[in-house]
PDB file of N, CA and C in Angstrom:
ATOM      1  N   MET A   1       0.842  -1.200  -0.002  1.00  0.00           N
ATOM      2  CA  MET A   1       0.002   0.000   0.000  1.00  0.00           C
ATOM      3  C   MET A   1       0.877   1.258   0.000  1.00  0.00           C
ATOM      4  N   SER A   2       0.543   2.188  -0.822  1.00  0.00           N
ATOM      5  CA  SER A   2       1.340   3.400  -0.964  1.00  0.00           C
ATOM      6  C   SER A   2       1.360   4.205   0.323  1.00  0.00           C
ATOM      7  N   GLN A   3       2.529   4.776   0.594  1.00  0.00           N
ATOM      8  CA  GLN A   3       2.666   5.621   1.792  1.00  0.00           C
ATOM      9  C   GLN A   3       2.269   7.064   1.528  1.00  0.00           C
ATOM     10  N   GLU A   4       2.121   7.393   0.239  1.00  0.00           N
ATOM     11  CA  GLU A   4       1.828   8.770  -0.127  1.00  0.00           C
ATOM     12  C   GLU A   4       0.695   8.798  -1.134  1.00  0.00           C
ATOM     13  N   VAL A   5      -0.170   9.786  -1.015  1.00  0.00           N
ATOM     14  CA  VAL A   5      -1.248   9.979  -1.982  1.00  0.00           C
ATOM     15  C   VAL A   5      -1.183  11.413  -2.481  1.00  0.00           C
ATOM     16  N   LYS A   6      -1.858  11.653  -3.607  1.00  0.00           N
ATOM     17  CA  LYS A   6      -2.077  13.020  -4.074  1.00  0.00           C
ATOM     18  C   LYS A   6      -3.566  13.205  -4.191  1.00  0.00           C
ATOM     19  N   ALA A   7      -4.022  14.379  -3.825  1.00  0.00           N
ATOM     20  CA  ALA A   7      -5.460  14.613  -3.880  1.00  0.00           C
ATOM     21  C   ALA A   7      -5.765  16.084  -4.106  1.00  0.00           C
ATOM     22  N   SER A   8      -6.974  16.295  -4.613  1.00  0.00           N
ATOM     23  CA  SER A   8      -7.554  17.638  -4.717  1.00  0.00           C
ATOM     24  C   SER A   8      -8.830  17.602  -3.900  1.00  0.00           C
ATOM     25  N   HIS A   9      -9.252  18.776  -3.451  1.00  0.00           N
ATOM     26  CA  HIS A   9     -10.512  18.781  -2.683  1.00  0.00           C
ATOM     27  C   HIS A   9     -11.252  20.077  -2.890  1.00  0.00           C
ATOM     28  N   VAL A  10     -12.524  20.033  -2.512  1.00  0.00           N
ATOM     29  CA  VAL A  10     -13.357  21.229  -2.411  1.00  0.00           C
ATOM     30  C   VAL A  10     -13.760  21.310  -0.954  1.00  0.00           C
ATOM     31  N   LEU A  11     -13.485  22.442  -0.338  1.00  0.00           N
ATOM     32  CA  LEU A  11     -13.825  22.677   1.071  1.00  0.00           C
ATOM     33  C   LEU A  11     -14.915  23.740   1.139  1.00  0.00           C
ATOM     34  N   ILE A  12     -15.982  23.412   1.838  1.00  0.00           N
ATOM     35  CA  ILE A  12     -17.006  24.418   2.144  1.00  0.00           C
ATOM     36  C   ILE A  12     -16.995  24.603   3.658  1.00  0.00           C
ATOM     37  N   LYS A  13     -16.653  25.810   4.092  1.00  0.00           N
ATOM     38  CA  LYS A  13     -16.659  26.099   5.520  1.00  0.00           C
ATOM     39  C   LYS A  13     -18.067  26.482   5.978  1.00  0.00           C
ATOM     40  N   HIS A  14     -18.291  26.357   7.284  1.00  0.00           N
ATOM     41  CA  HIS A  14     -19.598  26.734   7.846  1.00  0.00           C
ATOM     42  C   HIS A  14     -19.353  27.309   9.229  1.00  0.00           C
ATOM     43  N   GLN A  15     -20.415  27.735   9.891  1.00  0.00           N
ATOM     44  CA  GLN A  15     -20.277  28.442  11.163  1.00  0.00           C
ATOM     45  C   GLN A  15     -19.627  27.594  12.255  1.00  0.00           C
ATOM     46  N   GLY A  16     -19.603  26.273  12.073  1.00  0.00           N
ATOM     47  CA  GLY A  16     -18.949  25.401  13.058  1.00  0.00           C
ATOM     48  C   GLY A  16     -17.493  25.109  12.720  1.00  0.00           C
ATOM     49  N   SER A  17     -16.992  25.677  11.639  1.00  0.00           N
ATOM     50  CA  SER A  17     -15.620  25.434  11.213  1.00  0.00           C
ATOM     51  C   SER A  17     -14.625  26.043  12.186  1.00  0.00           C
ATOM     52  N   ARG A  18     -13.454  25.437  12.219  1.00  0.00           N
ATOM     53  CA  ARG A  18     -12.375  25.877  13.110  1.00  0.00           C
ATOM     54  C   ARG A  18     -12.027  27.349  12.851  1.00  0.00           C
ATOM     55  N   ARG A  19     -11.909  27.727  11.576  1.00  0.00           N
ATOM     56  CA  ARG A  19     -11.663  29.130  11.229  1.00  0.00           C
ATOM     57  C   ARG A  19     -12.770  29.574  10.283  1.00  0.00           C
ATOM     58  N   THR A  20     -13.488  30.619  10.683  1.00  0.00           N
ATOM     59  CA  THR A  20     -14.644  31.034   9.874  1.00  0.00           C
ATOM     60  C   THR A  20     -14.317  32.160   8.918  1.00  0.00           C
ATOM     61  N   ALA A  21     -13.156  32.046   8.264  1.00  0.00           N
ATOM     62  CA  ALA A  21     -12.808  32.993   7.194  1.00  0.00           C
ATOM     63  C   ALA A  21     -12.026  32.191   6.163  1.00  0.00           C
ATOM     64  N   SER A  22     -11.998  32.695   4.950  1.00  0.00           N
ATOM     65  CA  SER A  22     -11.243  32.018   3.910  1.00  0.00           C
ATOM     66  C   SER A  22     -10.708  33.037   2.914  1.00  0.00           C
ATOM     67  N   TRP A  23      -9.912  32.568   1.993  1.00  0.00           N
ATOM     68  CA  TRP A  23      -9.326  33.450   0.974  1.00  0.00           C
ATOM     69  C   TRP A  23     -10.389  34.228   0.208  1.00  0.00           C
ATOM     70  N   LYS A  24     -11.564  33.612   0.002  1.00  0.00           N
ATOM     71  CA  LYS A  24     -12.594  34.327  -0.764  1.00  0.00           C
ATOM     72  C   LYS A  24     -13.625  35.003   0.124  1.00  0.00           C
ATOM     73  N   ASP A  25     -13.535  34.779   1.409  1.00  0.00           N
ATOM     74  CA  ASP A  25     -14.469  35.383   2.371  1.00  0.00           C
ATOM     75  C   ASP A  25     -13.645  35.815   3.588  1.00  0.00           C
ATOM     76  N   PRO A  26     -12.702  36.768   3.394  1.00  0.00           N
ATOM     77  CA  PRO A  26     -11.749  37.114   4.456  1.00  0.00           C
ATOM     78  C   PRO A  26     -12.392  37.600   5.751  1.00  0.00           C
ATOM     79  N   GLU A  27     -13.556  38.212   5.649  1.00  0.00           N
ATOM     80  CA  GLU A  27     -14.262  38.673   6.855  1.00  0.00           C
ATOM     81  C   GLU A  27     -15.098  37.545   7.474  1.00  0.00           C
ATOM     82  N   GLY A  28     -15.305  36.481   6.718  1.00  0.00           N
ATOM     83  CA  GLY A  28     -16.119  35.374   7.201  1.00  0.00           C
ATOM     84  C   GLY A  28     -17.604  35.652   7.239  1.00  0.00           C
ATOM     85  N   LYS A  29     -18.044  36.655   6.503  1.00  0.00           N
ATOM     86  CA  LYS A  29     -19.479  37.039   6.558  1.00  0.00           C
ATOM     87  C   LYS A  29     -20.375  35.926   6.031  1.00  0.00           C
ATOM     88  N   VAL A  30     -19.980  35.325   4.906  1.00  0.00           N
ATOM     89  CA  VAL A  30     -20.790  34.252   4.319  1.00  0.00           C
ATOM     90  C   VAL A  30     -20.682  32.995   5.197  1.00  0.00           C
ATOM     91  N   ILE A  31     -19.455  32.663   5.558  1.00  0.00           N
ATOM     92  CA  ILE A  31     -19.221  31.426   6.322  1.00  0.00           C
ATOM     93  C   ILE A  31     -19.974  31.445   7.658  1.00  0.00           C
ATOM     94  N   GLN A  32     -19.946  32.562   8.354  1.00  0.00           N
ATOM     95  CA  GLN A  32     -20.618  32.633   9.662  1.00  0.00           C
ATOM     96  C   GLN A  32     -22.132  32.528   9.558  1.00  0.00           C
ATOM     97  N   ASN A  33     -22.662  32.717   8.350  1.00  0.00           N
ATOM     98  CA  ASN A  33     -24.101  32.553   8.149  1.00  0.00           C
ATOM     99  C   ASN A  33     -24.459  31.249   7.455  1.00  0.00           C
ATOM    100  N   THR A  34     -23.471  30.397   7.267  1.00  0.00           N
ATOM    101  CA  THR A  34     -23.711  29.116   6.606  1.00  0.00           C
ATOM    102  C   THR A  34     -23.794  28.008   7.648  1.00  0.00           C
ATOM    103  N   THR A  35     -24.938  27.324   7.672  1.00  0.00           N
ATOM    104  CA  THR A  35     -25.062  26.185   8.601  1.00  0.00           C
ATOM    105  C   THR A  35     -24.312  24.990   8.004  1.00  0.00           C
ATOM    106  N   LYS A  36     -24.007  24.056   8.864  1.00  0.00           N
ATOM    107  CA  LYS A  36     -23.339  22.833   8.405  1.00  0.00           C
ATOM    108  C   LYS A  36     -24.244  22.126   7.381  1.00  0.00           C
ATOM    109  N   GLU A  37     -25.527  22.110   7.635  1.00  0.00           N
ATOM    110  CA  GLU A  37     -26.476  21.443   6.736  1.00  0.00           C
ATOM    111  C   GLU A  37     -26.464  22.107   5.353  1.00  0.00           C
ATOM    112  N   ALA A  38     -26.396  23.436   5.327  1.00  0.00           N
ATOM    113  CA  ALA A  38     -26.370  24.168   4.054  1.00  0.00           C
ATOM    114  C   ALA A  38     -25.063  23.881   3.316  1.00  0.00           C
ATOM    115  N   ALA A  39     -23.964  23.814   4.055  1.00  0.00           N
ATOM    116  CA  ALA A  39     -22.667  23.522   3.450  1.00  0.00           C
ATOM    117  C   ALA A  39     -22.673  22.127   2.808  1.00  0.00           C
ATOM    118  N   ILE A  40     -23.252  21.155   3.530  1.00  0.00           N
ATOM    119  CA  ILE A  40     -23.350  19.785   3.005  1.00  0.00           C
ATOM    120  C   ILE A  40     -24.240  19.741   1.763  1.00  0.00           C
ATOM    121  N   ALA A  41     -25.361  20.444   1.806  1.00  0.00           N
ATOM    122  CA  ALA A  41     -26.277  20.466   0.661  1.00  0.00           C
ATOM    123  C   ALA A  41     -25.607  21.077  -0.571  1.00  0.00           C
ATOM    124  N   GLN A  42     -24.853  22.144  -0.372  1.00  0.00           N
ATOM    125  CA  GLN A  42     -24.135  22.774  -1.480  1.00  0.00           C
ATOM    126  C   GLN A  42     -23.104  21.812  -2.052  1.00  0.00           C
ATOM    127  N   LEU A  43     -22.369  21.160  -1.169  1.00  0.00           N
ATOM    128  CA  LEU A  43     -21.320  20.248  -1.603  1.00  0.00           C
ATOM    129  C   LEU A  43     -21.904  19.042  -2.346  1.00  0.00           C
ATOM    130  N   LYS A  44     -23.047  18.533  -1.886  1.00  0.00           N
ATOM    131  CA  LYS A  44     -23.704  17.410  -2.570  1.00  0.00           C
ATOM    132  C   LYS A  44     -24.091  17.800  -3.994  1.00  0.00           C
ATOM    133  N   ALA A  45     -24.607  19.020  -4.142  1.00  0.00           N
ATOM    134  CA  ALA A  45     -24.996  19.512  -5.473  1.00  0.00           C
ATOM    135  C   ALA A  45     -23.769  19.676  -6.376  1.00  0.00           C
ATOM    136  N   LEU A  46     -22.689  20.190  -5.806  1.00  0.00           N
ATOM    137  CA  LEU A  46     -21.452  20.353  -6.579  1.00  0.00           C
ATOM    138  C   LEU A  46     -20.869  18.998  -6.992  1.00  0.00           C
ATOM    139  N   ARG A  47     -20.925  18.043  -6.052  1.00  0.00           N
ATOM    140  CA  ARG A  47     -20.412  16.702  -6.351  1.00  0.00           C
ATOM    141  C   ARG A  47     -21.205  16.076  -7.499  1.00  0.00           C
ATOM    142  N   GLU A  48     -22.518  16.257  -7.476  1.00  0.00           N
ATOM    143  CA  GLU A  48     -23.399  15.732  -8.520  1.00  0.00           C
ATOM    144  C   GLU A  48     -23.040  16.342  -9.880  1.00  0.00           C
ATOM    145  N   GLU A  49     -22.734  17.629  -9.881  1.00  0.00           N
ATOM    146  CA  GLU A  49     -22.356  18.323 -11.109  1.00  0.00           C
ATOM    147  C   GLU A  49     -21.083  17.715 -11.713  1.00  0.00           C
ATOM    148  N   ILE A  50     -20.142  17.340 -10.845  1.00  0.00           N
ATOM    149  CA  ILE A  50     -18.880  16.743 -11.292  1.00  0.00           C
ATOM    150  C   ILE A  50     -19.114  15.311 -11.767  1.00  0.00           C
ATOM    151  N   VAL A  51     -19.786  14.512 -10.950  1.00  0.00           N
ATOM    152  CA  VAL A  51     -19.998  13.098 -11.246  1.00  0.00           C
ATOM    153  C   VAL A  51     -20.804  12.921 -12.529  1.00  0.00           C
ATOM    154  N   SER A  52     -21.756  13.820 -12.771  1.00  0.00           N
ATOM    155  CA  SER A  52     -22.599  13.720 -13.974  1.00  0.00           C
ATOM    156  C   SER A  52     -21.845  14.186 -15.227  1.00  0.00           C
ATOM    157  N   GLY A  53     -20.660  14.779 -15.031  1.00  0.00           N
ATOM    158  CA  GLY A  53     -19.888  15.220 -16.174  1.00  0.00           C
ATOM    159  C   GLY A  53     -20.177  16.641 -16.635  1.00  0.00           C
ATOM    160  N   ARG A  54     -21.074  17.338 -15.924  1.00  0.00           N
ATOM    161  CA  ARG A  54     -21.409  18.723 -16.319  1.00  0.00           C
ATOM    162  C   ARG A  54     -20.284  19.693 -16.016  1.00  0.00           C
ATOM    163  N   SER A  55     -19.485  19.398 -14.999  1.00  0.00           N
ATOM    164  CA  SER A  55     -18.393  20.292 -14.615  1.00  0.00           C
ATOM    165  C   SER A  55     -17.148  19.481 -14.262  1.00  0.00           C
ATOM    166  N   LYS A  56     -15.985  20.103 -14.424  1.00  0.00           N
ATOM    167  CA  LYS A  56     -14.736  19.473 -14.031  1.00  0.00           C
ATOM    168  C   LYS A  56     -14.451  19.768 -12.565  1.00  0.00           C
ATOM    169  N   PHE A  57     -13.855  18.808 -11.892  1.00  0.00           N
ATOM    170  CA  PHE A  57     -13.536  18.965 -10.469  1.00  0.00           C
ATOM    171  C   PHE A  57     -12.738  20.242 -10.232  1.00  0.00           C
ATOM    172  N   SER A  58     -11.694  20.451 -11.050  1.00  0.00           N
ATOM    173  CA  SER A  58     -10.817  21.609 -10.854  1.00  0.00           C
ATOM    174  C   SER A  58     -11.567  22.931 -11.026  1.00  0.00           C
ATOM    175  N   ASP A  59     -12.534  22.968 -11.939  1.00  0.00           N
ATOM    176  CA  ASP A  59     -13.313  24.203 -12.141  1.00  0.00           C
ATOM    177  C   ASP A  59     -14.197  24.486 -10.917  1.00  0.00           C
ATOM    178  N   ILE A  60     -14.819  23.444 -10.404  1.00  0.00           N
ATOM    179  CA  ILE A  60     -15.674  23.599  -9.212  1.00  0.00           C
ATOM    180  C   ILE A  60     -14.826  24.038  -8.034  1.00  0.00           C
ATOM    181  N   ALA A  61     -13.654  23.401  -7.850  1.00  0.00           N
ATOM    182  CA  ALA A  61     -12.769  23.776  -6.733  1.00  0.00           C
ATOM    183  C   ALA A  61     -12.345  25.223  -6.857  1.00  0.00           C
ATOM    184  N   SER A  62     -11.965  25.643  -8.063  1.00  0.00           N
ATOM    185  CA  SER A  62     -11.507  27.022  -8.279  1.00  0.00           C
ATOM    186  C   SER A  62     -12.590  28.035  -7.927  1.00  0.00           C
ATOM    187  N   ARG A  63     -13.831  27.694  -8.250  1.00  0.00           N
ATOM    188  CA  ARG A  63     -14.943  28.630  -8.034  1.00  0.00           C
ATOM    189  C   ARG A  63     -15.509  28.599  -6.616  1.00  0.00           C
ATOM    190  N   TYR A  64     -15.562  27.436  -6.006  1.00  0.00           N
ATOM    191  CA  TYR A  64     -16.341  27.318  -4.763  1.00  0.00           C
ATOM    192  C   TYR A  64     -15.560  26.976  -3.498  1.00  0.00           C
ATOM    193  N   SER A  65     -14.358  26.410  -3.625  1.00  0.00           N
ATOM    194  CA  SER A  65     -13.663  25.939  -2.427  1.00  0.00           C
ATOM    195  C   SER A  65     -13.219  27.092  -1.540  1.00  0.00           C
ATOM    196  N   ASP A  66     -13.364  26.902  -0.232  1.00  0.00           N
ATOM    197  CA  ASP A  66     -12.899  27.879   0.758  1.00  0.00           C
ATOM    198  C   ASP A  66     -11.431  27.661   1.105  1.00  0.00           C
ATOM    199  N   CYS A  67     -10.779  26.706   0.512  1.00  0.00           N
ATOM    200  CA  CYS A  67      -9.353  26.462   0.768  1.00  0.00           C
ATOM    201  C   CYS A  67      -8.530  27.228  -0.265  1.00  0.00           C
ATOM    202  N   SER A  68      -7.373  27.734   0.144  1.00  0.00           N
ATOM    203  CA  SER A  68      -6.529  28.468  -0.807  1.00  0.00           C
ATOM    204  C   SER A  68      -6.030  27.563  -1.940  1.00  0.00           C
ATOM    205  N   SER A  69      -6.166  26.251  -1.781  1.00  0.00           N
ATOM    206  CA  SER A  69      -5.792  25.328  -2.862  1.00  0.00           C
ATOM    207  C   SER A  69      -6.714  25.527  -4.082  1.00  0.00           C
ATOM    208  N   ALA A  70      -7.793  26.280  -3.895  1.00  0.00           N
ATOM    209  CA  ALA A  70      -8.706  26.583  -5.018  1.00  0.00           C
ATOM    210  C   ALA A  70      -7.946  27.237  -6.167  1.00  0.00           C
ATOM    211  N   LYS A  71      -6.931  27.991  -5.833  1.00  0.00           N
ATOM    212  CA  LYS A  71      -6.122  28.675  -6.848  1.00  0.00           C
ATOM    213  C   LYS A  71      -5.378  27.662  -7.732  1.00  0.00           C
ATOM    214  N   ARG A  72      -5.248  26.434  -7.261  1.00  0.00           N
ATOM    215  CA  ARG A  72      -4.608  25.346  -8.030  1.00  0.00           C
ATOM    216  C   ARG A  72      -5.656  24.284  -8.423  1.00  0.00           C
ATOM    217  N   GLY A  73      -6.902  24.695  -8.531  1.00  0.00           N
ATOM    218  CA  GLY A  73      -7.954  23.747  -8.882  1.00  0.00           C
ATOM    219  C   GLY A  73      -8.223  22.729  -7.801  1.00  0.00           C
ATOM    220  N   GLY A  74      -7.885  23.096  -6.559  1.00  0.00           N
ATOM    221  CA  GLY A  74      -8.123  22.198  -5.421  1.00  0.00           C
ATOM    222  C   GLY A  74      -6.964  21.282  -5.098  1.00  0.00           C
ATOM    223  N   ASP A  75      -5.892  21.355  -5.893  1.00  0.00           N
ATOM    224  CA  ASP A  75      -4.770  20.427  -5.732  1.00  0.00           C
ATOM    225  C   ASP A  75      -4.009  20.656  -4.422  1.00  0.00           C
ATOM    226  N   LEU A  76      -3.945  19.620  -3.606  1.00  0.00           N
ATOM    227  CA  LEU A  76      -3.201  19.682  -2.340  1.00  0.00           C
ATOM    228  C   LEU A  76      -1.791  19.118  -2.488  1.00  0.00           C
ATOM    229  N   GLY A  77      -1.509  18.504  -3.636  1.00  0.00           N
ATOM    230  CA  GLY A  77      -0.201  17.876  -3.810  1.00  0.00           C
ATOM    231  C   GLY A  77      -0.117  16.583  -3.022  1.00  0.00           C
ATOM    232  N   PRO A  78       1.078  16.006  -2.918  1.00  0.00           N
ATOM    233  CA  PRO A  78       1.245  14.736  -2.220  1.00  0.00           C
ATOM    234  C   PRO A  78       1.278  14.905  -0.701  1.00  0.00           C
ATOM    235  N   PHE A  79       0.773  13.922   0.010  1.00  0.00           N
ATOM    236  CA  PHE A  79       0.912  13.911   1.464  1.00  0.00           C
ATOM    237  C   PHE A  79       0.908  12.490   1.997  1.00  0.00           C
ATOM    238  N   ARG A  80       1.442  12.342   3.189  1.00  0.00           N
ATOM    239  CA  ARG A  80       1.543  11.051   3.859  1.00  0.00           C
ATOM    240  C   ARG A  80       0.550  10.991   5.024  1.00  0.00           C
ATOM    241  N   ARG A  81       0.438   9.813   5.581  1.00  0.00           N
ATOM    242  CA  ARG A  81      -0.383   9.661   6.786  1.00  0.00           C
ATOM    243  C   ARG A  81       0.177  10.551   7.892  1.00  0.00           C
ATOM    244  N   GLY A  82      -0.724  11.150   8.651  1.00  0.00           N
ATOM    245  CA  GLY A  82      -0.292  11.993   9.763  1.00  0.00           C
ATOM    246  C   GLY A  82      -0.170  13.463   9.408  1.00  0.00           C
ATOM    247  N   GLN A  83      -0.360  13.823   8.143  1.00  0.00           N
ATOM    248  CA  GLN A  83      -0.223  15.227   7.730  1.00  0.00           C
ATOM    249  C   GLN A  83      -1.557  15.966   7.655  1.00  0.00           C
ATOM    250  N   MET A  84      -2.653  15.217   7.539  1.00  0.00           N
ATOM    251  CA  MET A  84      -3.965  15.826   7.408  1.00  0.00           C
ATOM    252  C   MET A  84      -4.833  15.411   8.605  1.00  0.00           C
ATOM    253  N   GLN A  85      -5.980  16.074   8.764  1.00  0.00           N
ATOM    254  CA  GLN A  85      -6.891  15.648   9.809  1.00  0.00           C
ATOM    255  C   GLN A  85      -7.338  14.216   9.512  1.00  0.00           C
ATOM    256  N   LYS A  86      -7.520  13.449  10.587  1.00  0.00           N
ATOM    257  CA  LYS A  86      -7.781  12.013  10.465  1.00  0.00           C
ATOM    258  C   LYS A  86      -8.903  11.643   9.487  1.00  0.00           C
ATOM    259  N   PRO A  87     -10.096  12.257   9.590  1.00  0.00           N
ATOM    260  CA  PRO A  87     -11.167  11.847   8.666  1.00  0.00           C
ATOM    261  C   PRO A  87     -10.798  12.096   7.197  1.00  0.00           C
ATOM    262  N   PHE A  88     -10.088  13.194   6.967  1.00  0.00           N
ATOM    263  CA  PHE A  88      -9.659  13.547   5.598  1.00  0.00           C
ATOM    264  C   PHE A  88      -8.648  12.520   5.091  1.00  0.00           C
ATOM    265  N   GLU A  89      -7.698  12.204   5.932  1.00  0.00           N
ATOM    266  CA  GLU A  89      -6.665  11.226   5.581  1.00  0.00           C
ATOM    267  C   GLU A  89      -7.282   9.853   5.305  1.00  0.00           C
ATOM    268  N   GLU A  90      -8.150   9.392   6.194  1.00  0.00           N
ATOM    269  CA  GLU A  90      -8.745   8.063   6.027  1.00  0.00           C
ATOM    270  C   GLU A  90      -9.556   7.993   4.730  1.00  0.00           C
ATOM    271  N   ALA A  91     -10.313   9.047   4.462  1.00  0.00           N
ATOM    272  CA  ALA A  91     -11.110   9.065   3.229  1.00  0.00           C
ATOM    273  C   ALA A  91     -10.212   9.024   1.998  1.00  0.00           C
ATOM    274  N   THR A  92      -9.166   9.826   2.001  1.00  0.00           N
ATOM    275  CA  THR A  92      -8.278   9.906   0.831  1.00  0.00           C
ATOM    276  C   THR A  92      -7.585   8.581   0.585  1.00  0.00           C
ATOM    277  N   PHE A  93      -7.038   7.970   1.623  1.00  0.00           N
ATOM    278  CA  PHE A  93      -6.306   6.715   1.470  1.00  0.00           C
ATOM    279  C   PHE A  93      -7.230   5.564   1.065  1.00  0.00           C
ATOM    280  N   SER A  94      -8.533   5.691   1.338  1.00  0.00           N
ATOM    281  CA  SER A  94      -9.463   4.604   0.977  1.00  0.00           C
ATOM    282  C   SER A  94      -9.979   4.729  -0.461  1.00  0.00           C
ATOM    283  N   LEU A  95      -9.747   5.893  -1.100  1.00  0.00           N
ATOM    284  CA  LEU A  95     -10.213   6.086  -2.471  1.00  0.00           C
ATOM    285  C   LEU A  95      -9.263   5.423  -3.477  1.00  0.00           C
ATOM    286  N   GLN A  96      -9.832   5.054  -4.630  1.00  0.00           N
ATOM    287  CA  GLN A  96      -9.008   4.654  -5.758  1.00  0.00           C
ATOM    288  C   GLN A  96      -8.612   5.944  -6.494  1.00  0.00           C
ATOM    289  N   VAL A  97      -7.516   5.891  -7.243  1.00  0.00           N
ATOM    290  CA  VAL A  97      -7.121   7.044  -8.043  1.00  0.00           C
ATOM    291  C   VAL A  97      -8.251   7.367  -9.028  1.00  0.00           C
ATOM    292  N   GLY A  98      -8.643   8.628  -9.079  1.00  0.00           N
ATOM    293  CA  GLY A  98      -9.721   9.059  -9.955  1.00  0.00           C
ATOM    294  C   GLY A  98     -11.098   9.017  -9.319  1.00  0.00           C
ATOM    295  N   GLU A  99     -11.168   8.494  -8.107  1.00  0.00           N
ATOM    296  CA  GLU A  99     -12.449   8.368  -7.408  1.00  0.00           C
ATOM    297  C   GLU A  99     -12.706   9.608  -6.535  1.00  0.00           C
ATOM    298  N   ILE A 100     -13.970   9.980  -6.412  1.00  0.00           N
ATOM    299  CA  ILE A 100     -14.365  11.136  -5.598  1.00  0.00           C
ATOM    300  C   ILE A 100     -15.087  10.650  -4.354  1.00  0.00           C
ATOM    301  N   SER A 101     -14.710  11.197  -3.222  1.00  0.00           N
ATOM    302  CA  SER A 101     -15.302  10.780  -1.945  1.00  0.00           C
ATOM    303  C   SER A 101     -16.744  11.271  -1.813  1.00  0.00           C
ATOM    304  N   ASP A 102     -17.431  10.711  -0.831  1.00  0.00           N
ATOM    305  CA  ASP A 102     -18.671  11.308  -0.369  1.00  0.00           C
ATOM    306  C   ASP A 102     -18.274  12.496   0.499  1.00  0.00           C
ATOM    307  N   ILE A 103     -19.231  13.090   1.174  1.00  0.00           N
ATOM    308  CA  ILE A 103     -18.944  14.238   2.044  1.00  0.00           C
ATOM    309  C   ILE A 103     -18.049  13.782   3.204  1.00  0.00           C
ATOM    310  N   VAL A 104     -16.962  14.504   3.427  1.00  0.00           N
ATOM    311  CA  VAL A 104     -16.046  14.219   4.528  1.00  0.00           C
ATOM    312  C   VAL A 104     -16.077  15.428   5.474  1.00  0.00           C
ATOM    313  N   ASP A 105     -16.348  15.172   6.737  1.00  0.00           N
ATOM    314  CA  ASP A 105     -16.507  16.221   7.734  1.00  0.00           C
ATOM    315  C   ASP A 105     -15.245  16.323   8.590  1.00  0.00           C
ATOM    316  N   THR A 106     -14.633  17.515   8.645  1.00  0.00           N
ATOM    317  CA  THR A 106     -13.476  17.730   9.521  1.00  0.00           C
ATOM    318  C   THR A 106     -13.680  19.027  10.297  1.00  0.00           C
ATOM    319  N   ASP A 107     -12.727  19.348  11.161  1.00  0.00           N
ATOM    320  CA  ASP A 107     -12.811  20.605  11.917  1.00  0.00           C
ATOM    321  C   ASP A 107     -12.772  21.819  11.000  1.00  0.00           C
ATOM    322  N   SER A 108     -12.232  21.642   9.796  1.00  0.00           N
ATOM    323  CA  SER A 108     -12.117  22.766   8.852  1.00  0.00           C
ATOM    324  C   SER A 108     -13.425  23.060   8.137  1.00  0.00           C
ATOM    325  N   GLY A 109     -14.265  22.047   8.000  1.00  0.00           N
ATOM    326  CA  GLY A 109     -15.519  22.200   7.266  1.00  0.00           C
ATOM    327  C   GLY A 109     -15.857  20.880   6.607  1.00  0.00           C
ATOM    328  N   VAL A 110     -16.612  20.934   5.511  1.00  0.00           N
ATOM    329  CA  VAL A 110     -16.970  19.710   4.800  1.00  0.00           C
ATOM    330  C   VAL A 110     -16.270  19.705   3.444  1.00  0.00           C
ATOM    331  N   HIS A 111     -15.853  18.515   3.024  1.00  0.00           N
ATOM    332  CA  HIS A 111     -15.041  18.383   1.816  1.00  0.00           C
ATOM    333  C   HIS A 111     -15.590  17.309   0.892  1.00  0.00           C
ATOM    334  N   ILE A 112     -15.263  17.411  -0.379  1.00  0.00           N
ATOM    335  CA  ILE A 112     -15.253  16.241  -1.262  1.00  0.00           C
ATOM    336  C   ILE A 112     -13.799  16.155  -1.754  1.00  0.00           C
ATOM    337  N   ILE A 113     -13.335  14.956  -1.883  1.00  0.00           N
ATOM    338  CA  ILE A 113     -11.921  14.694  -2.189  1.00  0.00           C
ATOM    339  C   ILE A 113     -11.819  13.874  -3.465  1.00  0.00           C
ATOM    340  N   LEU A 114     -10.911  14.279  -4.324  1.00  0.00           N
ATOM    341  CA  LEU A 114     -10.598  13.515  -5.530  1.00  0.00           C
ATOM    342  C   LEU A 114      -9.168  13.032  -5.382  1.00  0.00           C
ATOM    343  N   ARG A 115      -9.006  11.706  -5.349  1.00  0.00           N
ATOM    344  CA  ARG A 115      -7.647  11.157  -5.287  1.00  0.00           C
ATOM    345  C   ARG A 115      -7.045  11.185  -6.683  1.00  0.00           C
ATOM    346  N   THR A 116      -5.886  11.809  -6.810  1.00  0.00           N
ATOM    347  CA  THR A 116      -5.267  11.989  -8.117  1.00  0.00           C
ATOM    348  C   THR A 116      -4.032  11.098  -8.337  1.00  0.00           C
ATOM    349  N   ALA A 117      -3.475  10.539  -7.280  1.00  0.00           N
ATOM    350  CA  ALA A 117      -2.339   9.616  -7.420  1.00  0.00           C
ATOM    351  C   ALA A 117      -2.168   8.805  -6.139  1.00  0.00           C
TER     352      ALA A 117
END
């Protein structure tokens, strides 16, 4: 089993997130008014858009992700076990290359993850 994976993700922050500001919402005005349920609903709709082939993962990440990796189409680059929050790490390592996760909940917010290597 590989010790390193590469992944891209889309992060949607919400009022319960560890930090309620992001590169595209520096004041956190939108995030502080977003419930976890609303964040999950938005992410499910975005995931459906990707899975159905209507949009590319990188385009969705660039437009919607609250992570600064959005500037790279969501690309987080390579990482090993122990570098990410546990739920994120477990989800990524369990995916096949090219597979997109279901909703993954961490202290940072809710994510969908695409394993790229």
